[in-house]
Protein backbone atom coordinates (compact mmCIF):
# COMPACT_ATOMS: atom_id res chain seq x y z
CA MET A 1 50.51 -50.59 27.67
CA ASP A 2 51.27 -47.00 26.74
CA ALA A 3 48.50 -44.96 25.08
CA ILE A 4 48.98 -44.26 21.42
CA ALA A 5 49.52 -40.55 20.87
CA PHE A 6 47.68 -38.77 18.04
CA GLU A 7 47.70 -35.22 16.80
CA PRO A 8 44.78 -33.21 15.31
CA MET A 9 44.80 -32.71 11.59
CA PRO A 10 45.82 -29.26 10.32
CA VAL A 11 43.24 -26.48 10.18
CA GLN A 12 41.22 -26.48 6.94
CA PRO A 13 39.93 -23.04 5.85
CA ILE A 14 36.41 -22.86 4.48
CA GLY A 15 36.21 -21.11 1.14
CA PRO A 16 33.45 -18.79 -0.09
CA SER A 17 30.14 -20.10 -1.31
CA PRO A 18 30.07 -21.43 -4.86
CA LEU A 19 28.68 -19.14 -7.51
CA GLY A 20 25.65 -21.35 -8.02
CA HIS A 21 24.78 -21.16 -4.31
CA ARG A 22 25.08 -17.39 -4.31
CA ILE A 23 22.85 -17.12 -7.38
CA MET A 24 20.22 -19.40 -5.86
CA PHE A 25 20.32 -17.48 -2.58
CA ALA A 26 19.82 -14.16 -4.37
CA LEU A 27 17.04 -15.63 -6.53
CA LEU A 28 15.11 -17.07 -3.58
CA ALA A 29 15.53 -13.87 -1.56
CA LEU A 30 14.33 -11.81 -4.53
CA LEU A 31 11.27 -14.04 -4.99
CA ALA A 32 10.48 -13.74 -1.28
CA PHE A 33 10.69 -9.95 -1.50
CA ALA A 34 8.58 -9.90 -4.68
CA LEU A 35 5.80 -11.70 -2.82
CA PHE A 36 6.14 -9.90 0.51
CA ALA A 37 6.40 -6.27 -0.68
CA PRO A 38 3.18 -5.98 -2.76
CA THR A 39 1.22 -8.05 -0.26
CA VAL A 40 2.03 -5.54 2.49
CA VAL A 41 2.35 -2.27 0.56
CA LEU A 42 -0.61 -2.39 -1.84
CA PRO A 43 -3.31 -2.42 0.91
CA MET A 44 -1.61 0.60 2.48
CA ILE A 45 -1.62 2.41 -0.89
CA ARG A 46 -5.32 1.57 -1.32
CA GLU A 47 -6.15 3.08 2.08
CA TYR A 48 -4.13 6.18 1.22
CA GLY A 49 -5.92 6.51 -2.13
CA ALA A 50 -9.34 6.17 -0.46
CA VAL A 51 -8.41 8.94 1.99
CA ARG A 52 -7.26 11.19 -0.86
CA ALA A 53 -10.48 10.54 -2.82
CA GLU A 54 -12.60 11.40 0.22
CA GLU A 55 -10.49 14.51 0.73
CA ALA A 56 -11.22 15.63 -2.86
CA VAL A 57 -14.97 15.20 -2.28
CA LEU A 58 -14.78 17.24 0.92
CA VAL A 59 -12.80 20.00 -0.80
CA HIS A 60 -15.46 20.39 -3.48
CA ARG A 61 -18.22 20.28 -0.88
CA CYS A 62 -16.50 22.99 1.17
CA ALA A 63 -16.12 25.09 -1.98
CA ALA A 64 -19.86 24.75 -2.69
CA LEU A 65 -20.69 25.75 0.89
CA GLN A 66 -18.37 28.74 0.65
CA ASP A 67 -20.17 29.84 -2.52
CA GLU A 68 -23.50 29.58 -0.68
CA ILE A 69 -22.09 31.62 2.22
CA ASP A 70 -20.88 34.32 -0.17
CA HIS A 71 -24.28 34.39 -1.90
CA ARG A 72 -26.13 34.84 1.38
CA ALA A 73 -23.69 37.54 2.46
CA ARG A 74 -24.43 39.45 -0.73
CA LEU A 75 -28.17 39.07 -0.03
CA ILE A 76 -27.71 40.51 3.46
CA GLU A 77 -25.84 43.48 2.02
CA ALA A 78 -28.57 43.96 -0.59
CA PHE A 79 -31.30 43.86 2.06
CA ALA A 80 -29.53 46.62 3.93
CA ALA A 81 -28.75 48.95 1.03
CA ASP A 82 -30.49 48.00 -2.22
CA PRO A 83 -33.96 49.59 -2.62
CA ALA A 84 -34.92 47.17 -5.39
CA VAL A 85 -34.50 44.22 -3.05
CA ASN A 86 -36.50 45.97 -0.33
CA GLU A 87 -39.25 46.62 -2.83
CA LYS A 88 -39.42 42.93 -3.73
CA LEU A 89 -39.54 42.01 -0.04
CA ALA A 90 -42.42 44.46 0.48
CA ILE A 91 -44.28 42.89 -2.44
CA LEU A 92 -43.82 39.41 -1.01
CA ASP A 93 -44.40 40.12 2.67
CA LEU A 94 -46.82 43.08 2.70
CA GLN A 95 -48.70 42.20 -0.51
CA TYR A 96 -47.76 45.61 -1.91
CA ARG A 97 -48.79 46.25 -5.50
CA LYS A 98 -47.96 49.02 -7.88
CA PRO A 99 -50.83 50.80 -9.61
CA GLY A 100 -52.03 48.71 -12.56
CA GLU A 101 -49.76 45.78 -11.61
CA GLU A 102 -51.21 42.29 -11.87
CA ILE A 103 -49.71 39.32 -10.01
CA LEU A 104 -50.17 35.91 -11.59
CA PRO A 105 -49.80 32.76 -9.48
CA VAL A 106 -47.21 30.27 -10.67
CA LEU A 107 -46.58 26.67 -9.79
CA PRO A 108 -44.04 26.15 -7.01
CA ARG A 109 -40.48 25.16 -7.86
CA VAL A 110 -40.94 26.01 -11.53
CA TYR A 111 -38.82 29.12 -11.52
CA GLU A 112 -36.48 28.07 -8.74
CA PRO A 113 -32.84 27.99 -9.74
CA ALA A 114 -31.44 24.58 -10.49
CA PRO A 115 -29.36 23.08 -7.70
CA PRO A 116 -25.63 23.04 -8.27
CA PRO A 117 -24.34 19.88 -9.91
CA LYS A 118 -23.17 17.24 -7.52
CA TYR A 119 -19.46 16.54 -7.59
CA VAL A 120 -18.65 13.19 -9.17
CA PRO A 121 -15.05 12.04 -8.74
CA PRO A 122 -13.25 10.90 -11.89
CA PRO A 123 -13.07 7.16 -12.50
CA ALA A 124 -10.13 5.49 -10.82
CA ARG A 125 -7.40 3.79 -12.81
CA SER A 126 -7.45 0.76 -10.53
CA ASP A 127 -8.57 -0.46 -7.13
CA LEU A 128 -5.67 1.45 -5.56
CA LEU A 129 -7.48 4.79 -6.06
CA THR A 130 -4.17 6.58 -6.47
CA PRO A 131 -4.33 10.37 -7.03
CA ASP A 132 -3.42 12.01 -10.32
CA ASP A 133 -0.49 13.97 -8.85
CA TRP A 134 1.65 10.84 -8.45
CA PRO A 135 4.88 10.55 -10.47
CA ASP A 136 4.62 9.31 -14.04
CA TRP A 137 6.62 6.17 -13.32
CA ALA A 138 4.23 5.21 -10.51
CA ILE A 139 1.19 5.72 -12.76
CA ARG A 140 2.79 3.64 -15.53
CA ALA A 141 3.59 0.86 -13.06
CA GLU A 142 0.01 0.95 -11.78
CA LEU A 143 -1.41 0.69 -15.31
CA TRP A 144 0.97 -2.17 -16.13
CA ALA A 145 -0.09 -4.10 -13.03
CA GLN A 146 -3.78 -3.34 -13.64
CA GLN A 147 -3.63 -4.72 -17.18
CA ARG A 148 -2.22 -7.99 -15.86
CA HIS A 149 -4.71 -8.21 -12.94
CA LEU A 150 -1.89 -8.21 -10.39
CA ILE A 151 -3.39 -5.49 -8.18
CA GLU A 152 -6.62 -7.32 -7.46
CA LEU A 153 -4.59 -10.50 -6.91
CA PHE A 154 -2.49 -8.98 -4.11
CA LEU A 155 -5.49 -7.17 -2.63
CA ASP A 156 -7.48 -10.39 -2.22
CA ASP A 157 -7.93 -10.99 1.52
CA ASP A 158 -8.05 -14.76 0.99
CA LEU A 159 -4.75 -14.91 -0.92
CA ARG A 160 -2.68 -12.46 1.11
CA PRO A 161 -1.96 -14.90 4.01
CA ILE A 162 -0.86 -17.51 1.45
CA PHE A 163 1.53 -15.05 -0.18
CA LEU A 164 3.02 -14.16 3.21
CA LEU A 165 3.59 -17.84 4.05
CA MET A 166 5.18 -18.45 0.65
CA SER A 167 7.48 -15.48 1.16
CA ALA A 168 8.58 -16.77 4.58
CA GLY A 169 9.15 -20.27 3.16
CA LEU A 170 11.31 -18.97 0.32
CA LEU A 171 13.41 -16.91 2.72
CA ILE A 172 13.90 -19.85 5.09
CA ALA A 173 14.89 -22.08 2.16
CA ALA A 174 17.40 -19.48 0.96
CA PHE A 175 19.19 -19.38 4.32
CA ALA A 176 18.88 -23.09 5.06
CA LEU A 177 20.11 -24.36 1.68
CA PHE A 178 22.24 -21.62 0.18
CA ALA A 179 23.42 -19.45 3.07
CA PRO A 180 26.39 -17.36 1.90
CA ARG A 181 29.81 -18.01 3.41
CA THR A 182 32.70 -15.59 3.67
CA MET A 183 36.47 -16.04 3.65
CA GLY A 184 38.44 -16.40 6.87
CA VAL A 185 36.23 -18.98 8.56
CA GLN A 186 38.30 -21.93 9.64
CA ARG A 187 37.37 -25.39 10.69
CA THR A 188 39.42 -27.86 12.72
CA SER A 189 38.97 -31.54 12.20
CA GLU A 190 40.50 -34.25 14.32
CA ALA A 191 41.49 -37.70 13.27
CA PRO A 192 39.49 -40.52 14.75
CA ILE A 193 40.83 -41.97 17.98
CA PRO A 194 42.75 -45.15 17.14
CA HIS A 195 41.55 -48.34 18.73
CA ARG A 196 43.86 -50.14 21.12
CA PRO A 197 44.92 -53.59 19.98
CA VAL A 198 43.39 -56.46 21.86
CA GLN A 199 45.86 -57.95 24.28
CA PRO A 200 45.37 -61.61 25.25
CA VAL A 201 45.06 -62.28 28.94
CA THR A 202 47.60 -64.80 30.13
CA GLY A 203 46.50 -67.67 32.29
CA LEU A 204 43.09 -68.18 30.69
CA LEU A 205 44.29 -70.47 27.94
C-alpha cells in the first residue's frame, strides 16, 4: 500500500506580546530593581559617609595641631629675641627676683589656660552619615526615607539577604511568565501524521 503523503501547515508568525504581559513584565522588573538597588547601594553610601565623617574629625585635629605648632614657633622666636620672655625664664629657672618683689605660691593648674574645645561632629541626619555638601535632591530623598524608616530597613544585615532573594525571584518570574516577544519570529507547525488504515490479512479467516 502506498504511503499517504502529507504537507506541513503554513508558517504561522508569532505576534508581539500582549499589552498586559508587557505591563506585568515591566512592573515585576521595576519591583526587582526597587528591592535590589537600595539593598546594595545603601551600605556603600553608609561606608562612604563614615569615611567622610572620620575625615572631618581628622581635618579639625590637624588644624588644632597646626595651631599648636604655630604657637610653639612663636615661643621659640620670643625666646631668641624678646627680653621680656628671657626675664621670665630667668625668674623661673634661676630664681631671680627684682628688688622688693614678692613671689606668692599658687596652686598648680589654676592659672593654666583652658584646653581647646574638643571637636564634636554635627548630628547626622540618618544612619547613612551623608555629608552636608550633597545635592539638595539627595538630602531631601534621604530625609524622606528616614521619616519612613526605610534606611534602617535596608541596612539591616538580617533582612538584606531576604531582599536579594526576593529581587531575584521577581526577576525570574518576569522572564518566565511575561517575557517580551518581538515581531518577525516565525513558528512552523506540522499536521499530525495520519494513521494507516488497518488492512485485513487474507487467509486467516
